[in-house]
Amino acid sequence: MAPPGQDGLVLSDSPLSADSTSFNVEEGDLIVVATDGLFDNLSDELICKELSNLKDRRYESIQKLAHSLVEKAHLLSHDPDYLSPFAEHARANGIDVRGGKPDDITILLATVELND
């Protein structure tokens, strides 16, 4: 939602337009929750490739992975020559765009663990 007094001056989505889903999880699953700043700049394939580099489930390793994803998305968001997922989607809809999409990038990684 736009800040007070900024209606019409800022492109924004209401909370009602957010995706919502439910799914079953299993022990060992890694869950990624992120803003569009990640998904507009990194393809699902690139994200999965980065996630596959996680060797253990220690807090430090997960934090390092999240930081790596944010850095990659941030760098590509400012690359005018990168054909980002956002640009690909725009082109598929008749809008001639190239480059990343600068945006806020927030990532939450969580692992599923059973308590004994």
PDB file of N, CA and C in Angstrom:
ATOM      1  N   MET A   1       0.845  -1.170   0.000  1.00  0.00           N
ATOM      2  CA  MET A   1       0.000   0.000   0.000  1.00  0.00           C
ATOM      3  C   MET A   1       0.890   1.232   0.000  1.00  0.00           C
ATOM      4  N   ALA A   2       0.415   2.252  -0.673  1.00  0.00           N
ATOM      5  CA  ALA A   2       1.184   3.493  -0.745  1.00  0.00           C
ATOM      6  C   ALA A   2       1.200   4.188   0.612  1.00  0.00           C
ATOM      7  N   PRO A   3       2.299   4.883   0.922  1.00  0.00           N
ATOM      8  CA  PRO A   3       2.352   5.643   2.173  1.00  0.00           C
ATOM      9  C   PRO A   3       1.267   6.727   2.182  1.00  0.00           C
ATOM     10  N   PRO A   4       0.865   7.186   3.364  1.00  0.00           N
ATOM     11  CA  PRO A   4      -0.151   8.244   3.433  1.00  0.00           C
ATOM     12  C   PRO A   4       0.236   9.443   2.573  1.00  0.00           C
ATOM     13  N   GLY A   5      -0.719   9.945   1.820  1.00  0.00           N
ATOM     14  CA  GLY A   5      -0.479  11.106   0.972  1.00  0.00           C
ATOM     15  C   GLY A   5       0.173  10.784  -0.357  1.00  0.00           C
ATOM     16  N   GLN A   6       0.495   9.501  -0.616  1.00  0.00           N
ATOM     17  CA  GLN A   6       1.192   9.119  -1.834  1.00  0.00           C
ATOM     18  C   GLN A   6       0.301   8.355  -2.810  1.00  0.00           C
ATOM     19  N   ASP A   7      -0.990   8.196  -2.500  1.00  0.00           N
ATOM     20  CA  ASP A   7      -1.891   7.476  -3.402  1.00  0.00           C
ATOM     21  C   ASP A   7      -1.823   8.073  -4.799  1.00  0.00           C
ATOM     22  N   GLY A   8      -1.711   7.210  -5.787  1.00  0.00           N
ATOM     23  CA  GLY A   8      -1.633   7.649  -7.172  1.00  0.00           C
ATOM     24  C   GLY A   8      -0.240   8.033  -7.623  1.00  0.00           C
ATOM     25  N   LEU A   9       0.681   8.201  -6.692  1.00  0.00           N
ATOM     26  CA  LEU A   9       2.050   8.592  -7.042  1.00  0.00           C
ATOM     27  C   LEU A   9       3.000   7.406  -7.011  1.00  0.00           C
ATOM     28  N   VAL A  10       2.563   6.312  -6.411  1.00  0.00           N
ATOM     29  CA  VAL A  10       3.414   5.140  -6.226  1.00  0.00           C
ATOM     30  C   VAL A  10       2.659   3.908  -6.716  1.00  0.00           C
ATOM     31  N   LEU A  11       3.355   3.062  -7.476  1.00  0.00           N
ATOM     32  CA  LEU A  11       2.760   1.779  -7.839  1.00  0.00           C
ATOM     33  C   LEU A  11       2.836   0.872  -6.633  1.00  0.00           C
ATOM     34  N   SER A  12       1.702   0.316  -6.248  1.00  0.00           N
ATOM     35  CA  SER A  12       1.719  -0.561  -5.083  1.00  0.00           C
ATOM     36  C   SER A  12       0.594  -1.576  -5.178  1.00  0.00           C
ATOM     37  N   ASP A  13       0.727  -2.631  -4.424  1.00  0.00           N
ATOM     38  CA  ASP A  13      -0.280  -3.681  -4.326  1.00  0.00           C
ATOM     39  C   ASP A  13      -0.867  -3.649  -2.928  1.00  0.00           C
ATOM     40  N   SER A  14      -2.131  -4.000  -2.833  1.00  0.00           N
ATOM     41  CA  SER A  14      -2.731  -4.093  -1.501  1.00  0.00           C
ATOM     42  C   SER A  14      -2.395  -5.460  -0.919  1.00  0.00           C
ATOM     43  N   PRO A  15      -2.484  -5.600   0.391  1.00  0.00           N
ATOM     44  CA  PRO A  15      -2.238  -6.920   0.996  1.00  0.00           C
ATOM     45  C   PRO A  15      -3.169  -7.993   0.453  1.00  0.00           C
ATOM     46  N   LEU A  16      -4.330  -7.605  -0.039  1.00  0.00           N
ATOM     47  CA  LEU A  16      -5.274  -8.573  -0.580  1.00  0.00           C
ATOM     48  C   LEU A  16      -4.769  -9.240  -1.859  1.00  0.00           C
ATOM     49  N   SER A  17      -3.784  -8.627  -2.525  1.00  0.00           N
ATOM     50  CA  SER A  17      -3.262  -9.210  -3.766  1.00  0.00           C
ATOM     51  C   SER A  17      -2.110 -10.186  -3.515  1.00  0.00           C
ATOM     52  N   ALA A  18      -1.749 -10.389  -2.259  1.00  0.00           N
ATOM     53  CA  ALA A  18      -0.661 -11.311  -1.931  1.00  0.00           C
ATOM     54  C   ALA A  18      -1.074 -12.751  -2.222  1.00  0.00           C
ATOM     55  N   ASP A  19      -0.089 -13.565  -2.614  1.00  0.00           N
ATOM     56  CA  ASP A  19      -0.332 -14.990  -2.808  1.00  0.00           C
ATOM     57  C   ASP A  19      -0.477 -15.668  -1.448  1.00  0.00           C
ATOM     58  N   SER A  20      -1.356 -16.632  -1.402  1.00  0.00           N
ATOM     59  CA  SER A  20      -1.538 -17.422  -0.199  1.00  0.00           C
ATOM     60  C   SER A  20      -1.736 -18.871  -0.618  1.00  0.00           C
ATOM     61  N   THR A  21      -1.058 -19.772   0.067  1.00  0.00           N
ATOM     62  CA  THR A  21      -1.164 -21.180  -0.272  1.00  0.00           C
ATOM     63  C   THR A  21      -0.871 -22.023   0.962  1.00  0.00           C
ATOM     64  N   SER A  22      -1.200 -23.282   0.886  1.00  0.00           N
ATOM     65  CA  SER A  22      -0.814 -24.214   1.940  1.00  0.00           C
ATOM     66  C   SER A  22      -0.270 -25.466   1.273  1.00  0.00           C
ATOM     67  N   PHE A  23       0.600 -26.157   1.980  1.00  0.00           N
ATOM     68  CA  PHE A  23       1.227 -27.350   1.428  1.00  0.00           C
ATOM     69  C   PHE A  23       1.754 -28.203   2.569  1.00  0.00           C
ATOM     70  N   ASN A  24       1.920 -29.461   2.304  1.00  0.00           N
ATOM     71  CA  ASN A  24       2.485 -30.375   3.285  1.00  0.00           C
ATOM     72  C   ASN A  24       3.997 -30.236   3.287  1.00  0.00           C
ATOM     73  N   VAL A  25       4.594 -30.401   4.444  1.00  0.00           N
ATOM     74  CA  VAL A  25       6.049 -30.356   4.566  1.00  0.00           C
ATOM     75  C   VAL A  25       6.530 -31.633   5.231  1.00  0.00           C
ATOM     76  N   GLU A  26       7.801 -31.900   5.018  1.00  0.00           N
ATOM     77  CA  GLU A  26       8.447 -33.063   5.621  1.00  0.00           C
ATOM     78  C   GLU A  26       9.721 -32.605   6.309  1.00  0.00           C
ATOM     79  N   GLU A  27      10.156 -33.393   7.256  1.00  0.00           N
ATOM     80  CA  GLU A  27      11.408 -33.083   7.928  1.00  0.00           C
ATOM     81  C   GLU A  27      12.518 -32.936   6.892  1.00  0.00           C
ATOM     82  N   GLY A  28      13.314 -31.883   7.056  1.00  0.00           N
ATOM     83  CA  GLY A  28      14.417 -31.635   6.139  1.00  0.00           C
ATOM     84  C   GLY A  28      14.081 -30.668   5.016  1.00  0.00           C
ATOM     85  N   ASP A  29      12.791 -30.367   4.836  1.00  0.00           N
ATOM     86  CA  ASP A  29      12.415 -29.415   3.781  1.00  0.00           C
ATOM     87  C   ASP A  29      13.000 -28.041   4.080  1.00  0.00           C
ATOM     88  N   LEU A  30      13.302 -27.322   3.021  1.00  0.00           N
ATOM     89  CA  LEU A  30      13.762 -25.942   3.119  1.00  0.00           C
ATOM     90  C   LEU A  30      12.680 -25.073   2.493  1.00  0.00           C
ATOM     91  N   ILE A  31      12.168 -24.131   3.246  1.00  0.00           N
ATOM     92  CA  ILE A  31      11.075 -23.276   2.781  1.00  0.00           C
ATOM     93  C   ILE A  31      11.633 -21.893   2.498  1.00  0.00           C
ATOM     94  N   VAL A  32      11.289 -21.354   1.313  1.00  0.00           N
ATOM     95  CA  VAL A  32      11.715 -20.025   0.908  1.00  0.00           C
ATOM     96  C   VAL A  32      10.481 -19.129   0.837  1.00  0.00           C
ATOM     97  N   VAL A  33      10.517 -18.044   1.595  1.00  0.00           N
ATOM     98  CA  VAL A  33       9.481 -17.014   1.525  1.00  0.00           C
ATOM     99  C   VAL A  33      10.224 -15.729   1.204  1.00  0.00           C
ATOM    100  N   ALA A  34       9.779 -15.029   0.151  1.00  0.00           N
ATOM    101  CA  ALA A  34      10.524 -13.836  -0.261  1.00  0.00           C
ATOM    102  C   ALA A  34       9.603 -12.834  -0.944  1.00  0.00           C
ATOM    103  N   THR A  35      10.075 -11.603  -0.994  1.00  0.00           N
ATOM    104  CA  THR A  35       9.359 -10.561  -1.726  1.00  0.00           C
ATOM    105  C   THR A  35       9.632 -10.715  -3.217  1.00  0.00           C
ATOM    106  N   ASP A  36       8.873  -9.980  -4.000  1.00  0.00           N
ATOM    107  CA  ASP A  36       9.039 -10.059  -5.454  1.00  0.00           C
ATOM    108  C   ASP A  36      10.403  -9.564  -5.909  1.00  0.00           C
ATOM    109  N   GLY A  37      11.125  -8.856  -5.053  1.00  0.00           N
ATOM    110  CA  GLY A  37      12.472  -8.423  -5.412  1.00  0.00           C
ATOM    111  C   GLY A  37      13.399  -9.597  -5.707  1.00  0.00           C
ATOM    112  N   LEU A  38      13.138 -10.739  -5.081  1.00  0.00           N
ATOM    113  CA  LEU A  38      13.908 -11.949  -5.384  1.00  0.00           C
ATOM    114  C   LEU A  38      13.412 -12.566  -6.681  1.00  0.00           C
ATOM    115  N   PHE A  39      12.107 -12.834  -6.751  1.00  0.00           N
ATOM    116  CA  PHE A  39      11.549 -13.582  -7.878  1.00  0.00           C
ATOM    117  C   PHE A  39      11.518 -12.784  -9.183  1.00  0.00           C
ATOM    118  N   ASP A  40      11.517 -11.452  -9.110  1.00  0.00           N
ATOM    119  CA  ASP A  40      11.575 -10.633 -10.325  1.00  0.00           C
ATOM    120  C   ASP A  40      12.981 -10.598 -10.918  1.00  0.00           C
ATOM    121  N   ASN A  41      13.978 -10.946 -10.118  1.00  0.00           N
ATOM    122  CA  ASN A  41      15.360 -10.829 -10.579  1.00  0.00           C
ATOM    123  C   ASN A  41      16.116 -12.148 -10.693  1.00  0.00           C
ATOM    124  N   LEU A  42      15.648 -13.197 -10.039  1.00  0.00           N
ATOM    125  CA  LEU A  42      16.276 -14.511 -10.163  1.00  0.00           C
ATOM    126  C   LEU A  42      15.229 -15.520 -10.625  1.00  0.00           C
ATOM    127  N   SER A  43      15.576 -16.284 -11.622  1.00  0.00           N
ATOM    128  CA  SER A  43      14.668 -17.322 -12.105  1.00  0.00           C
ATOM    129  C   SER A  43      14.550 -18.434 -11.065  1.00  0.00           C
ATOM    130  N   ASP A  44      13.491 -19.211 -11.165  1.00  0.00           N
ATOM    131  CA  ASP A  44      13.330 -20.353 -10.270  1.00  0.00           C
ATOM    132  C   ASP A  44      14.535 -21.284 -10.383  1.00  0.00           C
ATOM    133  N   GLU A  45      15.048 -21.452 -11.599  1.00  0.00           N
ATOM    134  CA  GLU A  45      16.205 -22.326 -11.810  1.00  0.00           C
ATOM    135  C   GLU A  45      17.434 -21.811 -11.065  1.00  0.00           C
ATOM    136  N   LEU A  46      17.676 -20.500 -11.133  1.00  0.00           N
ATOM    137  CA  LEU A  46      18.826 -19.927 -10.419  1.00  0.00           C
ATOM    138  C   LEU A  46      18.651 -20.051  -8.907  1.00  0.00           C
ATOM    139  N   ILE A  47      17.441 -19.834  -8.430  1.00  0.00           N
ATOM    140  CA  ILE A  47      17.175 -19.954  -6.995  1.00  0.00           C
ATOM    141  C   ILE A  47      17.412 -21.393  -6.545  1.00  0.00           C
ATOM    142  N   CYS A  48      16.874 -22.351  -7.290  1.00  0.00           N
ATOM    143  CA  CYS A  48      17.056 -23.768  -6.932  1.00  0.00           C
ATOM    144  C   CYS A  48      18.526 -24.165  -6.973  1.00  0.00           C
ATOM    145  N   LYS A  49      19.268 -23.630  -7.939  1.00  0.00           N
ATOM    146  CA  LYS A  49      20.697 -23.930  -8.023  1.00  0.00           C
ATOM    147  C   LYS A  49      21.419 -23.424  -6.772  1.00  0.00           C
ATOM    148  N   GLU A  50      21.084 -22.219  -6.344  1.00  0.00           N
ATOM    149  CA  GLU A  50      21.694 -21.676  -5.119  1.00  0.00           C
ATOM    150  C   GLU A  50      21.300 -22.505  -3.906  1.00  0.00           C
ATOM    151  N   LEU A  51      20.030 -22.889  -3.824  1.00  0.00           N
ATOM    152  CA  LEU A  51      19.562 -23.671  -2.681  1.00  0.00           C
ATOM    153  C   LEU A  51      20.242 -25.029  -2.609  1.00  0.00           C
ATOM    154  N   SER A  52      20.576 -25.587  -3.766  1.00  0.00           N
ATOM    155  CA  SER A  52      21.228 -26.905  -3.780  1.00  0.00           C
ATOM    156  C   SER A  52      22.642 -26.849  -3.221  1.00  0.00           C
ATOM    157  N   ASN A  53      23.197 -25.653  -3.077  1.00  0.00           N
ATOM    158  CA  ASN A  53      24.543 -25.500  -2.512  1.00  0.00           C
ATOM    159  C   ASN A  53      24.562 -25.613  -0.992  1.00  0.00           C
ATOM    160  N   LEU A  54      23.391 -25.653  -0.369  1.00  0.00           N
ATOM    161  CA  LEU A  54      23.335 -25.761   1.087  1.00  0.00           C
ATOM    162  C   LEU A  54      23.792 -27.156   1.513  1.00  0.00           C
ATOM    163  N   LYS A  55      24.882 -27.228   2.244  1.00  0.00           N
ATOM    164  CA  LYS A  55      25.479 -28.516   2.620  1.00  0.00           C
ATOM    165  C   LYS A  55      24.998 -29.025   3.971  1.00  0.00           C
ATOM    166  N   ASP A  56      24.565 -28.116   4.861  1.00  0.00           N
ATOM    167  CA  ASP A  56      24.075 -28.525   6.169  1.00  0.00           C
ATOM    168  C   ASP A  56      22.994 -27.543   6.600  1.00  0.00           C
ATOM    169  N   ARG A  57      22.343 -27.815   7.688  1.00  0.00           N
ATOM    170  CA  ARG A  57      21.208 -27.007   8.149  1.00  0.00           C
ATOM    171  C   ARG A  57      21.574 -26.130   9.348  1.00  0.00           C
ATOM    172  N   ARG A  58      22.853 -25.853   9.501  1.00  0.00           N
ATOM    173  CA  ARG A  58      23.264 -24.969  10.589  1.00  0.00           C
ATOM    174  C   ARG A  58      22.775 -23.548  10.306  1.00  0.00           C
ATOM    175  N   TYR A  59      22.487 -22.807  11.367  1.00  0.00           N
ATOM    176  CA  TYR A  59      22.000 -21.436  11.245  1.00  0.00           C
ATOM    177  C   TYR A  59      22.923 -20.595  10.371  1.00  0.00           C
ATOM    178  N   GLU A  60      24.219 -20.706  10.596  1.00  0.00           N
ATOM    179  CA  GLU A  60      25.189 -19.894   9.853  1.00  0.00           C
ATOM    180  C   GLU A  60      25.144 -20.210   8.363  1.00  0.00           C
ATOM    181  N   SER A  61      24.970 -21.475   8.020  1.00  0.00           N
ATOM    182  CA  SER A  61      24.924 -21.878   6.610  1.00  0.00           C
ATOM    183  C   SER A  61      23.665 -21.341   5.931  1.00  0.00           C
ATOM    184  N   ILE A  62      22.555 -21.403   6.643  1.00  0.00           N
ATOM    185  CA  ILE A  62      21.292 -20.899   6.087  1.00  0.00           C
ATOM    186  C   ILE A  62      21.359 -19.384   5.934  1.00  0.00           C
ATOM    187  N   GLN A  63      21.930 -18.709   6.917  1.00  0.00           N
ATOM    188  CA  GLN A  63      22.079 -17.257   6.843  1.00  0.00           C
ATOM    189  C   GLN A  63      22.977 -16.863   5.675  1.00  0.00           C
ATOM    190  N   LYS A  64      24.060 -17.586   5.488  1.00  0.00           N
ATOM    191  CA  LYS A  64      24.987 -17.316   4.380  1.00  0.00           C
ATOM    192  C   LYS A  64      24.281 -17.506   3.034  1.00  0.00           C
ATOM    193  N   LEU A  65      23.453 -18.548   2.920  1.00  0.00           N
ATOM    194  CA  LEU A  65      22.709 -18.804   1.694  1.00  0.00           C
ATOM    195  C   LEU A  65      21.707 -17.676   1.416  1.00  0.00           C
ATOM    196  N   ALA A  66      20.975 -17.259   2.433  1.00  0.00           N
ATOM    197  CA  ALA A  66      20.016 -16.165   2.261  1.00  0.00           C
ATOM    198  C   ALA A  66      20.735 -14.901   1.808  1.00  0.00           C
ATOM    199  N   HIS A  67      21.870 -14.609   2.432  1.00  0.00           N
ATOM    200  CA  HIS A  67      22.656 -13.427   2.058  1.00  0.00           C
ATOM    201  C   HIS A  67      23.143 -13.525   0.613  1.00  0.00           C
ATOM    202  N   SER A  68      23.577 -14.695   0.198  1.00  0.00           N
ATOM    203  CA  SER A  68      24.032 -14.909  -1.178  1.00  0.00           C
ATOM    204  C   SER A  68      22.898 -14.661  -2.186  1.00  0.00           C
ATOM    205  N   LEU A  69      21.703 -15.150  -1.872  1.00  0.00           N
ATOM    206  CA  LEU A  69      20.551 -14.926  -2.756  1.00  0.00           C
ATOM    207  C   LEU A  69      20.221 -13.438  -2.863  1.00  0.00           C
ATOM    208  N   VAL A  70      20.241 -12.746  -1.726  1.00  0.00           N
ATOM    209  CA  VAL A  70      19.966 -11.299  -1.731  1.00  0.00           C
ATOM    210  C   VAL A  70      21.012 -10.572  -2.569  1.00  0.00           C
ATOM    211  N   GLU A  71      22.292 -10.900  -2.388  1.00  0.00           N
ATOM    212  CA  GLU A  71      23.354 -10.236  -3.152  1.00  0.00           C
ATOM    213  C   GLU A  71      23.195 -10.452  -4.653  1.00  0.00           C
ATOM    214  N   LYS A  72      22.927 -11.688  -5.066  1.00  0.00           N
ATOM    215  CA  LYS A  72      22.754 -11.981  -6.492  1.00  0.00           C
ATOM    216  C   LYS A  72      21.573 -11.223  -7.063  1.00  0.00           C
ATOM    217  N   ALA A  73      20.445 -11.249  -6.354  1.00  0.00           N
ATOM    218  CA  ALA A  73      19.254 -10.544  -6.826  1.00  0.00           C
ATOM    219  C   ALA A  73      19.517  -9.041  -6.898  1.00  0.00           C
ATOM    220  N   HIS A  74      20.204  -8.502  -5.903  1.00  0.00           N
ATOM    221  CA  HIS A  74      20.503  -7.067  -5.891  1.00  0.00           C
ATOM    222  C   HIS A  74      21.399  -6.682  -7.067  1.00  0.00           C
ATOM    223  N   LEU A  75      22.467  -7.439  -7.285  1.00  0.00           N
ATOM    224  CA  LEU A  75      23.373  -7.134  -8.404  1.00  0.00           C
ATOM    225  C   LEU A  75      22.633  -7.189  -9.738  1.00  0.00           C
ATOM    226  N   LEU A  76      21.852  -8.242  -9.939  1.00  0.00           N
ATOM    227  CA  LEU A  76      21.138  -8.391 -11.216  1.00  0.00           C
ATOM    228  C   LEU A  76      20.021  -7.375 -11.367  1.00  0.00           C
ATOM    229  N   SER A  77      19.470  -6.893 -10.263  1.00  0.00           N
ATOM    230  CA  SER A  77      18.395  -5.902 -10.349  1.00  0.00           C
ATOM    231  C   SER A  77      18.887  -4.591 -10.958  1.00  0.00           C
ATOM    232  N   HIS A  78      20.182  -4.340 -10.876  1.00  0.00           N
ATOM    233  CA  HIS A  78      20.767  -3.102 -11.408  1.00  0.00           C
ATOM    234  C   HIS A  78      21.529  -3.324 -12.717  1.00  0.00           C
ATOM    235  N   ASP A  79      21.421  -4.506 -13.296  1.00  0.00           N
ATOM    236  CA  ASP A  79      22.105  -4.825 -14.551  1.00  0.00           C
ATOM    237  C   ASP A  79      21.173  -4.511 -15.717  1.00  0.00           C
ATOM    238  N   PRO A  80      21.490  -3.465 -16.499  1.00  0.00           N
ATOM    239  CA  PRO A  80      20.595  -3.057 -17.590  1.00  0.00           C
ATOM    240  C   PRO A  80      20.546  -4.047 -18.751  1.00  0.00           C
ATOM    241  N   ASP A  81      21.488  -4.965 -18.818  1.00  0.00           N
ATOM    242  CA  ASP A  81      21.538  -5.917 -19.930  1.00  0.00           C
ATOM    243  C   ASP A  81      20.987  -7.295 -19.572  1.00  0.00           C
ATOM    244  N   TYR A  82      20.653  -7.499 -18.322  1.00  0.00           N
ATOM    245  CA  TYR A  82      20.173  -8.799 -17.846  1.00  0.00           C
ATOM    246  C   TYR A  82      18.708  -9.000 -18.257  1.00  0.00           C
ATOM    247  N   LEU A  83      18.411 -10.151 -18.804  1.00  0.00           N
ATOM    248  CA  LEU A  83      17.026 -10.476 -19.139  1.00  0.00           C
ATOM    249  C   LEU A  83      16.410 -11.170 -17.917  1.00  0.00           C
ATOM    250  N   SER A  84      15.897 -10.370 -17.017  1.00  0.00           N
ATOM    251  CA  SER A  84      15.360 -10.862 -15.744  1.00  0.00           C
ATOM    252  C   SER A  84      14.008 -11.536 -15.951  1.00  0.00           C
ATOM    253  N   PRO A  85      13.575 -12.331 -14.974  1.00  0.00           N
ATOM    254  CA  PRO A  85      12.219 -12.888 -15.059  1.00  0.00           C
ATOM    255  C   PRO A  85      11.161 -11.789 -15.223  1.00  0.00           C
ATOM    256  N   PHE A  86      11.360 -10.646 -14.561  1.00  0.00           N
ATOM    257  CA  PHE A  86      10.432  -9.522 -14.715  1.00  0.00           C
ATOM    258  C   PHE A  86      10.395  -9.043 -16.166  1.00  0.00           C
ATOM    259  N   ALA A  87      11.577  -8.874 -16.768  1.00  0.00           N
ATOM    260  CA  ALA A  87      11.652  -8.421 -18.157  1.00  0.00           C
ATOM    261  C   ALA A  87      11.070  -9.463 -19.107  1.00  0.00           C
ATOM    262  N   GLU A  88      11.325 -10.733 -18.834  1.00  0.00           N
ATOM    263  CA  GLU A  88      10.760 -11.788 -19.680  1.00  0.00           C
ATOM    264  C   GLU A  88       9.236 -11.759 -19.648  1.00  0.00           C
ATOM    265  N   HIS A  89       8.677 -11.575 -18.454  1.00  0.00           N
ATOM    266  CA  HIS A  89       7.218 -11.515 -18.317  1.00  0.00           C
ATOM    267  C   HIS A  89       6.663 -10.277 -19.033  1.00  0.00           C
ATOM    268  N   ALA A  90       7.350  -9.153 -18.890  1.00  0.00           N
ATOM    269  CA  ALA A  90       6.908  -7.923 -19.565  1.00  0.00           C
ATOM    270  C   ALA A  90       6.930  -8.105 -21.077  1.00  0.00           C
ATOM    271  N   ARG A  91       7.998  -8.696 -21.594  1.00  0.00           N
ATOM    272  CA  ARG A  91       8.103  -8.929 -23.039  1.00  0.00           C
ATOM    273  C   ARG A  91       7.008  -9.863 -23.531  1.00  0.00           C
ATOM    274  N   ALA A  92       6.672 -10.874 -22.728  1.00  0.00           N
ATOM    275  CA  ALA A  92       5.605 -11.804 -23.107  1.00  0.00           C
ATOM    276  C   ALA A  92       4.256 -11.095 -23.180  1.00  0.00           C
ATOM    277  N   ASN A  93       4.180  -9.926 -22.541  1.00  0.00           N
ATOM    278  CA  ASN A  93       2.951  -9.141 -22.551  1.00  0.00           C
ATOM    279  C   ASN A  93       3.068  -7.889 -23.417  1.00  0.00           C
ATOM    280  N   GLY A  94       4.033  -7.899 -24.348  1.00  0.00           N
ATOM    281  CA  GLY A  94       4.155  -6.824 -25.326  1.00  0.00           C
ATOM    282  C   GLY A  94       4.868  -5.579 -24.861  1.00  0.00           C
ATOM    283  N   ILE A  95       5.552  -5.631 -23.730  1.00  0.00           N
ATOM    284  CA  ILE A  95       6.284  -4.473 -23.225  1.00  0.00           C
ATOM    285  C   ILE A  95       7.771  -4.738 -23.423  1.00  0.00           C
ATOM    286  N   ASP A  96       8.437  -3.872 -24.191  1.00  0.00           N
ATOM    287  CA  ASP A  96       9.845  -4.071 -24.520  1.00  0.00           C
ATOM    288  C   ASP A  96      10.721  -3.564 -23.370  1.00  0.00           C
ATOM    289  N   VAL A  97      11.065  -4.463 -22.474  1.00  0.00           N
ATOM    290  CA  VAL A  97      11.868  -4.129 -21.300  1.00  0.00           C
ATOM    291  C   VAL A  97      13.053  -5.069 -21.236  1.00  0.00           C
ATOM    292  N   ARG A  98      14.166  -4.558 -20.787  1.00  0.00           N
ATOM    293  CA  ARG A  98      15.345  -5.379 -20.543  1.00  0.00           C
ATOM    294  C   ARG A  98      15.951  -4.912 -19.230  1.00  0.00           C
ATOM    295  N   GLY A  99      16.665  -5.786 -18.580  1.00  0.00           N
ATOM    296  CA  GLY A  99      17.332  -5.418 -17.341  1.00  0.00           C
ATOM    297  C   GLY A  99      16.642  -5.994 -16.126  1.00  0.00           C
ATOM    298  N   GLY A 100      17.300  -5.804 -15.001  1.00  0.00           N
ATOM    299  CA  GLY A 100      16.730  -6.235 -13.740  1.00  0.00           C
ATOM    300  C   GLY A 100      15.681  -5.239 -13.275  1.00  0.00           C
ATOM    301  N   LYS A 101      15.102  -5.522 -12.126  1.00  0.00           N
ATOM    302  CA  LYS A 101      14.062  -4.651 -11.563  1.00  0.00           C
ATOM    303  C   LYS A 101      14.458  -4.280 -10.142  1.00  0.00           C
ATOM    304  N   PRO A 102      15.042  -3.093  -9.947  1.00  0.00           N
ATOM    305  CA  PRO A 102      15.394  -2.668  -8.588  1.00  0.00           C
ATOM    306  C   PRO A 102      14.155  -2.666  -7.696  1.00  0.00           C
ATOM    307  N   ASP A 103      14.286  -3.245  -6.534  1.00  0.00           N
ATOM    308  CA  ASP A 103      13.152  -3.403  -5.627  1.00  0.00           C
ATOM    309  C   ASP A 103      13.691  -3.811  -4.266  1.00  0.00           C
ATOM    310  N   ASP A 104      12.822  -3.793  -3.271  1.00  0.00           N
ATOM    311  CA  ASP A 104      13.233  -4.347  -1.981  1.00  0.00           C
ATOM    312  C   ASP A 104      13.375  -5.855  -2.136  1.00  0.00           C
ATOM    313  N   ILE A 105      14.340  -6.420  -1.457  1.00  0.00           N
ATOM    314  CA  ILE A 105      14.595  -7.863  -1.542  1.00  0.00           C
ATOM    315  C   ILE A 105      14.667  -8.394  -0.112  1.00  0.00           C
ATOM    316  N   THR A 106      13.659  -9.170   0.249  1.00  0.00           N
ATOM    317  CA  THR A 106      13.601  -9.763   1.572  1.00  0.00           C
ATOM    318  C   THR A 106      13.415 -11.263   1.410  1.00  0.00           C
ATOM    319  N   ILE A 107      14.226 -12.030   2.117  1.00  0.00           N
ATOM    320  CA  ILE A 107      14.163 -13.488   2.016  1.00  0.00           C
ATOM    321  C   ILE A 107      14.120 -14.083   3.418  1.00  0.00           C
ATOM    322  N   LEU A 108      13.243 -15.054   3.583  1.00  0.00           N
ATOM    323  CA  LEU A 108      13.187 -15.830   4.811  1.00  0.00           C
ATOM    324  C   LEU A 108      13.370 -17.285   4.414  1.00  0.00           C
ATOM    325  N   LEU A 109      14.392 -17.928   4.967  1.00  0.00           N
ATOM    326  CA  LEU A 109      14.623 -19.355   4.755  1.00  0.00           C
ATOM    327  C   LEU A 109      14.335 -20.076   6.064  1.00  0.00           C
ATOM    328  N   ALA A 110      13.591 -21.159   5.977  1.00  0.00           N
ATOM    329  CA  ALA A 110      13.280 -21.943   7.164  1.00  0.00           C
ATOM    330  C   ALA A 110      13.442 -23.419   6.863  1.00  0.00           C
ATOM    331  N   THR A 111      13.888 -24.167   7.832  1.00  0.00           N
ATOM    332  CA  THR A 111      13.991 -25.615   7.684  1.00  0.00           C
ATOM    333  C   THR A 111      12.935 -26.268   8.557  1.00  0.00           C
ATOM    334  N   VAL A 112      12.475 -27.426   8.113  1.00  0.00           N
ATOM    335  CA  VAL A 112      11.491 -28.185   8.868  1.00  0.00           C
ATOM    336  C   VAL A 112      12.241 -29.239   9.678  1.00  0.00           C
ATOM    337  N   GLU A 113      12.091 -29.175  11.002  1.00  0.00           N
ATOM    338  CA  GLU A 113      12.732 -30.135  11.889  1.00  0.00           C
ATOM    339  C   GLU A 113      11.713 -30.640  12.890  1.00  0.00           C
ATOM    340  N   LEU A 114      11.821 -31.912  13.242  1.00  0.00           N
ATOM    341  CA  LEU A 114      10.937 -32.500  14.231  1.00  0.00           C
ATOM    342  C   LEU A 114      11.581 -32.403  15.608  1.00  0.00           C
ATOM    343  N   ASN A 115      10.779 -32.062  16.591  1.00  0.00           N
ATOM    344  CA  ASN A 115      11.249 -32.075  17.987  1.00  0.00           C
ATOM    345  C   ASN A 115      11.003 -33.461  18.549  1.00  0.00           C
ATOM    346  N   ASP A 116      11.973 -33.995  19.248  1.00  0.00           N
ATOM    347  CA  ASP A 116      11.800 -35.322  19.882  1.00  0.00           C
ATOM    348  C   ASP A 116      11.154 -35.195  21.230  1.00  0.00           C
TER     349      ASP A 116
END
